[in-house]
């Protein structure tokens, strides 16, 4: 990252199946719109490695997908739809705290 910028992964949600959801600090696109990156990680079914993916919110699609099936991504998308705005609001509030 340029200029010594430090990107945080803020803990957000943890599930019994090992799924961990974290999100980034607030980012800004060239057009000035603000967004966060939501990160997903959990042990694979064999517990020998991790599945991971990330999605920019709002308006992004999944990138850097490792180990997840399309069905898994649909399930993760439900988490984005339900909680993405809340995570974005947390980051914006933190900016003024």
N, C-alpha and C. Protein backbone atom coordinates (compact mmCIF):
# COMPACT_ATOMS: atom_id res chain seq x y z
N UNK A 1 0.83 -1.17 0.00
CA UNK A 1 0.00 0.00 0.00
C UNK A 1 0.88 1.23 0.00
N UNK A 2 0.46 2.19 -0.75
CA UNK A 2 1.24 3.41 -0.92
C UNK A 2 1.21 4.26 0.34
N UNK A 3 2.27 4.98 0.59
CA UNK A 3 2.32 5.96 1.65
C UNK A 3 2.15 5.40 3.05
N UNK A 4 2.50 4.16 3.27
CA UNK A 4 2.39 3.59 4.60
C UNK A 4 0.96 3.36 5.05
N UNK A 5 0.03 3.37 4.13
CA UNK A 5 -1.38 3.15 4.45
C UNK A 5 -1.55 1.76 5.06
N UNK A 6 -2.36 1.67 6.10
CA UNK A 6 -2.58 0.40 6.79
C UNK A 6 -4.05 0.02 6.64
N UNK A 7 -4.31 -1.14 6.09
CA UNK A 7 -5.68 -1.59 5.89
C UNK A 7 -6.06 -2.56 6.99
N UNK A 8 -7.11 -2.24 7.70
CA UNK A 8 -7.61 -3.08 8.78
C UNK A 8 -8.63 -4.08 8.26
N UNK A 9 -8.69 -5.22 8.92
CA UNK A 9 -9.79 -6.17 8.76
C UNK A 9 -10.53 -6.14 10.09
N UNK A 10 -11.72 -5.56 10.08
CA UNK A 10 -12.51 -5.47 11.30
C UNK A 10 -13.34 -6.74 11.45
N UNK A 11 -13.30 -7.40 12.62
CA UNK A 11 -14.14 -8.57 12.83
C UNK A 11 -15.60 -8.17 12.73
N UNK A 12 -16.42 -9.03 12.16
CA UNK A 12 -17.82 -8.68 11.98
C UNK A 12 -18.74 -9.80 12.46
N UNK A 13 -18.67 -10.96 11.81
CA UNK A 13 -19.55 -12.08 12.16
C UNK A 13 -18.76 -13.38 12.18
N UNK A 14 -19.11 -14.26 13.12
CA UNK A 14 -18.53 -15.60 13.20
C UNK A 14 -19.68 -16.59 13.32
N UNK A 15 -19.54 -17.73 12.65
CA UNK A 15 -20.59 -18.74 12.62
C UNK A 15 -20.06 -20.08 13.11
N UNK A 16 -20.98 -20.94 13.54
CA UNK A 16 -20.61 -22.26 14.08
C UNK A 16 -19.87 -23.13 13.07
N UNK A 17 -20.09 -22.91 11.77
CA UNK A 17 -19.41 -23.72 10.76
C UNK A 17 -18.00 -23.23 10.46
N UNK A 18 -17.53 -22.24 11.24
CA UNK A 18 -16.17 -21.73 11.06
C UNK A 18 -16.08 -20.52 10.16
N UNK A 19 -17.19 -20.11 9.55
CA UNK A 19 -17.18 -18.94 8.68
C UNK A 19 -16.90 -17.69 9.50
N UNK A 20 -15.92 -16.92 9.04
CA UNK A 20 -15.58 -15.64 9.65
C UNK A 20 -15.77 -14.57 8.58
N UNK A 21 -16.47 -13.50 8.94
CA UNK A 21 -16.68 -12.38 8.03
C UNK A 21 -16.03 -11.16 8.66
N UNK A 22 -15.17 -10.51 7.90
CA UNK A 22 -14.52 -9.28 8.33
C UNK A 22 -14.73 -8.24 7.24
N UNK A 23 -14.40 -6.99 7.55
CA UNK A 23 -14.53 -5.94 6.54
C UNK A 23 -13.39 -4.94 6.67
N UNK A 24 -13.15 -4.23 5.60
CA UNK A 24 -12.02 -3.31 5.51
C UNK A 24 -12.37 -1.94 6.08
N UNK A 25 -11.36 -1.10 6.15
CA UNK A 25 -11.58 0.32 6.38
C UNK A 25 -12.32 0.89 5.17
N UNK A 26 -12.83 2.09 5.32
CA UNK A 26 -13.54 2.76 4.24
C UNK A 26 -12.56 3.09 3.11
N UNK A 27 -12.99 2.81 1.90
CA UNK A 27 -12.19 3.10 0.71
C UNK A 27 -12.98 4.05 -0.18
N UNK A 28 -12.29 4.69 -1.11
CA UNK A 28 -12.95 5.63 -2.02
C UNK A 28 -12.53 5.33 -3.45
N UNK A 29 -13.54 5.22 -4.33
CA UNK A 29 -13.28 5.00 -5.75
C UNK A 29 -12.88 6.31 -6.41
N UNK A 30 -12.36 6.24 -7.62
CA UNK A 30 -11.94 7.45 -8.34
C UNK A 30 -13.09 8.43 -8.53
N UNK A 31 -14.32 7.91 -8.62
CA UNK A 31 -15.48 8.80 -8.80
C UNK A 31 -15.95 9.40 -7.48
N UNK A 32 -15.28 9.06 -6.37
CA UNK A 32 -15.61 9.62 -5.07
C UNK A 32 -16.55 8.78 -4.22
N UNK A 33 -17.13 7.73 -4.79
CA UNK A 33 -18.06 6.90 -4.01
C UNK A 33 -17.28 6.06 -2.99
N UNK A 34 -17.90 5.86 -1.84
CA UNK A 34 -17.27 5.12 -0.76
C UNK A 34 -17.72 3.66 -0.76
N UNK A 35 -16.81 2.79 -0.34
CA UNK A 35 -17.13 1.37 -0.27
C UNK A 35 -16.21 0.68 0.72
N UNK A 36 -16.57 -0.54 1.07
CA UNK A 36 -15.71 -1.40 1.89
C UNK A 36 -15.53 -2.72 1.15
N UNK A 37 -14.54 -3.47 1.55
CA UNK A 37 -14.39 -4.83 1.07
C UNK A 37 -14.77 -5.77 2.21
N UNK A 38 -15.66 -6.71 1.89
CA UNK A 38 -16.08 -7.71 2.87
C UNK A 38 -15.33 -9.00 2.55
N UNK A 39 -14.71 -9.58 3.57
CA UNK A 39 -13.89 -10.78 3.42
C UNK A 39 -14.58 -11.97 4.09
N UNK A 40 -14.51 -13.12 3.44
CA UNK A 40 -15.09 -14.36 3.95
C UNK A 40 -13.98 -15.40 4.02
N UNK A 41 -13.94 -16.15 5.12
CA UNK A 41 -12.95 -17.22 5.24
C UNK A 41 -13.51 -18.29 6.17
N UNK A 42 -13.27 -19.55 5.81
CA UNK A 42 -13.64 -20.67 6.67
C UNK A 42 -12.84 -21.89 6.28
N UNK A 43 -12.67 -22.83 7.22
CA UNK A 43 -11.96 -24.06 6.89
C UNK A 43 -12.71 -24.83 5.80
N UNK A 44 -11.95 -25.49 4.93
CA UNK A 44 -12.61 -26.33 3.92
C UNK A 44 -13.19 -27.56 4.60
N UNK A 45 -13.95 -28.35 3.85
CA UNK A 45 -14.64 -29.50 4.45
C UNK A 45 -13.67 -30.53 5.03
N UNK A 46 -12.46 -30.64 4.47
CA UNK A 46 -11.47 -31.59 4.98
C UNK A 46 -10.67 -31.01 6.15
N UNK A 47 -10.89 -29.73 6.44
CA UNK A 47 -10.16 -29.03 7.51
C UNK A 47 -8.65 -29.00 7.27
N UNK A 48 -8.26 -29.04 5.99
CA UNK A 48 -6.84 -29.02 5.63
C UNK A 48 -6.39 -27.68 5.06
N UNK A 49 -7.34 -26.81 4.76
CA UNK A 49 -7.04 -25.52 4.15
C UNK A 49 -8.23 -24.60 4.39
N UNK A 50 -8.21 -23.42 3.79
CA UNK A 50 -9.30 -22.47 3.96
C UNK A 50 -9.92 -22.11 2.63
N UNK A 51 -11.22 -21.89 2.67
CA UNK A 51 -11.94 -21.29 1.55
C UNK A 51 -11.98 -19.79 1.84
N UNK A 52 -11.88 -18.98 0.80
CA UNK A 52 -11.92 -17.54 1.01
C UNK A 52 -12.49 -16.84 -0.22
N UNK A 53 -13.01 -15.66 0.02
CA UNK A 53 -13.55 -14.81 -1.05
C UNK A 53 -13.67 -13.40 -0.50
N UNK A 54 -13.80 -12.46 -1.41
CA UNK A 54 -14.04 -11.09 -0.99
C UNK A 54 -14.99 -10.42 -1.96
N UNK A 55 -15.64 -9.36 -1.47
CA UNK A 55 -16.63 -8.65 -2.26
C UNK A 55 -16.62 -7.19 -1.86
N UNK A 56 -16.57 -6.28 -2.83
CA UNK A 56 -16.69 -4.86 -2.51
C UNK A 56 -18.17 -4.53 -2.32
N UNK A 57 -18.45 -3.72 -1.30
CA UNK A 57 -19.82 -3.33 -1.01
C UNK A 57 -19.88 -1.82 -0.86
N UNK A 58 -20.84 -1.18 -1.49
CA UNK A 58 -21.90 -1.74 -2.34
C UNK A 58 -21.43 -1.95 -3.77
N UNK A 59 -22.19 -2.76 -4.47
CA UNK A 59 -22.06 -2.89 -5.91
C UNK A 59 -21.01 -3.82 -6.45
N UNK A 60 -20.35 -4.57 -5.63
CA UNK A 60 -19.30 -5.44 -6.13
C UNK A 60 -19.76 -6.85 -6.38
N UNK A 61 -18.86 -7.62 -6.95
CA UNK A 61 -19.09 -9.05 -7.13
C UNK A 61 -17.94 -9.76 -6.42
N UNK A 62 -18.04 -11.07 -6.29
CA UNK A 62 -16.99 -11.81 -5.60
C UNK A 62 -15.71 -11.85 -6.42
N UNK A 63 -14.59 -11.67 -5.73
CA UNK A 63 -13.26 -11.77 -6.34
C UNK A 63 -12.39 -12.60 -5.42
N UNK A 64 -11.24 -12.99 -5.94
CA UNK A 64 -10.26 -13.77 -5.15
C UNK A 64 -10.92 -14.96 -4.46
N UNK A 65 -11.73 -15.68 -5.21
CA UNK A 65 -12.46 -16.83 -4.68
C UNK A 65 -11.56 -18.06 -4.69
N UNK A 66 -11.43 -18.69 -3.53
CA UNK A 66 -10.63 -19.90 -3.39
C UNK A 66 -11.46 -20.93 -2.62
N UNK A 67 -11.77 -22.05 -3.27
CA UNK A 67 -12.40 -23.17 -2.59
C UNK A 67 -13.91 -23.14 -2.47
N UNK A 68 -14.55 -22.04 -2.78
CA UNK A 68 -16.00 -21.95 -2.69
C UNK A 68 -16.65 -22.35 -4.01
N UNK A 69 -17.79 -23.03 -3.93
CA UNK A 69 -18.59 -23.37 -5.11
C UNK A 69 -19.56 -22.23 -5.39
N UNK A 70 -20.22 -22.28 -6.54
CA UNK A 70 -21.24 -21.28 -6.85
C UNK A 70 -22.35 -21.30 -5.80
N UNK A 71 -22.70 -22.48 -5.34
CA UNK A 71 -23.73 -22.60 -4.29
C UNK A 71 -23.26 -21.91 -3.01
N UNK A 72 -21.99 -22.11 -2.64
CA UNK A 72 -21.43 -21.44 -1.47
C UNK A 72 -21.49 -19.92 -1.63
N UNK A 73 -21.12 -19.45 -2.82
CA UNK A 73 -21.12 -18.00 -3.06
C UNK A 73 -22.53 -17.43 -2.97
N UNK A 74 -23.52 -18.18 -3.41
CA UNK A 74 -24.90 -17.71 -3.26
C UNK A 74 -25.26 -17.54 -1.79
N UNK A 75 -24.80 -18.47 -0.96
CA UNK A 75 -25.04 -18.37 0.48
C UNK A 75 -24.31 -17.16 1.06
N UNK A 76 -23.07 -16.94 0.62
CA UNK A 76 -22.32 -15.78 1.10
C UNK A 76 -22.97 -14.48 0.65
N UNK A 77 -23.52 -14.50 -0.57
CA UNK A 77 -24.18 -13.30 -1.09
C UNK A 77 -25.35 -12.90 -0.19
N UNK A 78 -26.03 -13.89 0.39
CA UNK A 78 -27.11 -13.60 1.33
C UNK A 78 -26.58 -12.82 2.54
N UNK A 79 -25.39 -13.15 3.01
CA UNK A 79 -24.78 -12.40 4.12
C UNK A 79 -24.48 -10.97 3.69
N UNK A 80 -23.97 -10.80 2.46
CA UNK A 80 -23.69 -9.45 1.95
C UNK A 80 -24.98 -8.64 1.91
N UNK A 81 -26.04 -9.24 1.37
CA UNK A 81 -27.32 -8.54 1.23
C UNK A 81 -27.90 -8.16 2.59
N UNK A 82 -27.75 -9.03 3.57
CA UNK A 82 -28.33 -8.77 4.90
C UNK A 82 -27.49 -7.82 5.74
N UNK A 83 -26.18 -7.91 5.64
CA UNK A 83 -25.33 -7.21 6.61
C UNK A 83 -24.34 -6.21 6.00
N UNK A 84 -24.27 -6.12 4.68
CA UNK A 84 -23.30 -5.22 4.06
C UNK A 84 -23.50 -3.77 4.46
N UNK A 85 -24.73 -3.30 4.45
CA UNK A 85 -25.00 -1.91 4.80
C UNK A 85 -24.62 -1.63 6.25
N UNK A 86 -24.89 -2.58 7.13
CA UNK A 86 -24.53 -2.41 8.54
C UNK A 86 -23.02 -2.27 8.70
N UNK A 87 -22.25 -3.11 8.01
CA UNK A 87 -20.79 -3.02 8.08
C UNK A 87 -20.31 -1.68 7.55
N UNK A 88 -20.89 -1.22 6.44
CA UNK A 88 -20.51 0.08 5.87
C UNK A 88 -20.83 1.20 6.86
N UNK A 89 -21.99 1.13 7.50
CA UNK A 89 -22.36 2.13 8.50
C UNK A 89 -21.40 2.13 9.68
N UNK A 90 -20.96 0.94 10.13
CA UNK A 90 -19.99 0.86 11.23
C UNK A 90 -18.71 1.62 10.87
N UNK A 91 -18.22 1.40 9.66
CA UNK A 91 -16.97 2.04 9.24
C UNK A 91 -17.15 3.55 9.18
N UNK A 92 -18.27 4.00 8.65
CA UNK A 92 -18.51 5.44 8.56
C UNK A 92 -18.62 6.07 9.94
N UNK A 93 -19.27 5.39 10.88
CA UNK A 93 -19.37 5.91 12.25
C UNK A 93 -18.01 5.97 12.91
N UNK A 94 -17.19 4.95 12.67
CA UNK A 94 -15.86 4.89 13.28
C UNK A 94 -15.01 6.09 12.84
N UNK A 95 -15.25 6.55 11.63
CA UNK A 95 -14.50 7.68 11.09
C UNK A 95 -14.72 8.93 11.95
N UNK A 96 -15.90 9.05 12.57
CA UNK A 96 -16.24 10.24 13.35
C UNK A 96 -16.10 10.03 14.85
N UNK A 97 -15.72 8.84 15.26
CA UNK A 97 -15.63 8.54 16.70
C UNK A 97 -14.41 9.17 17.33
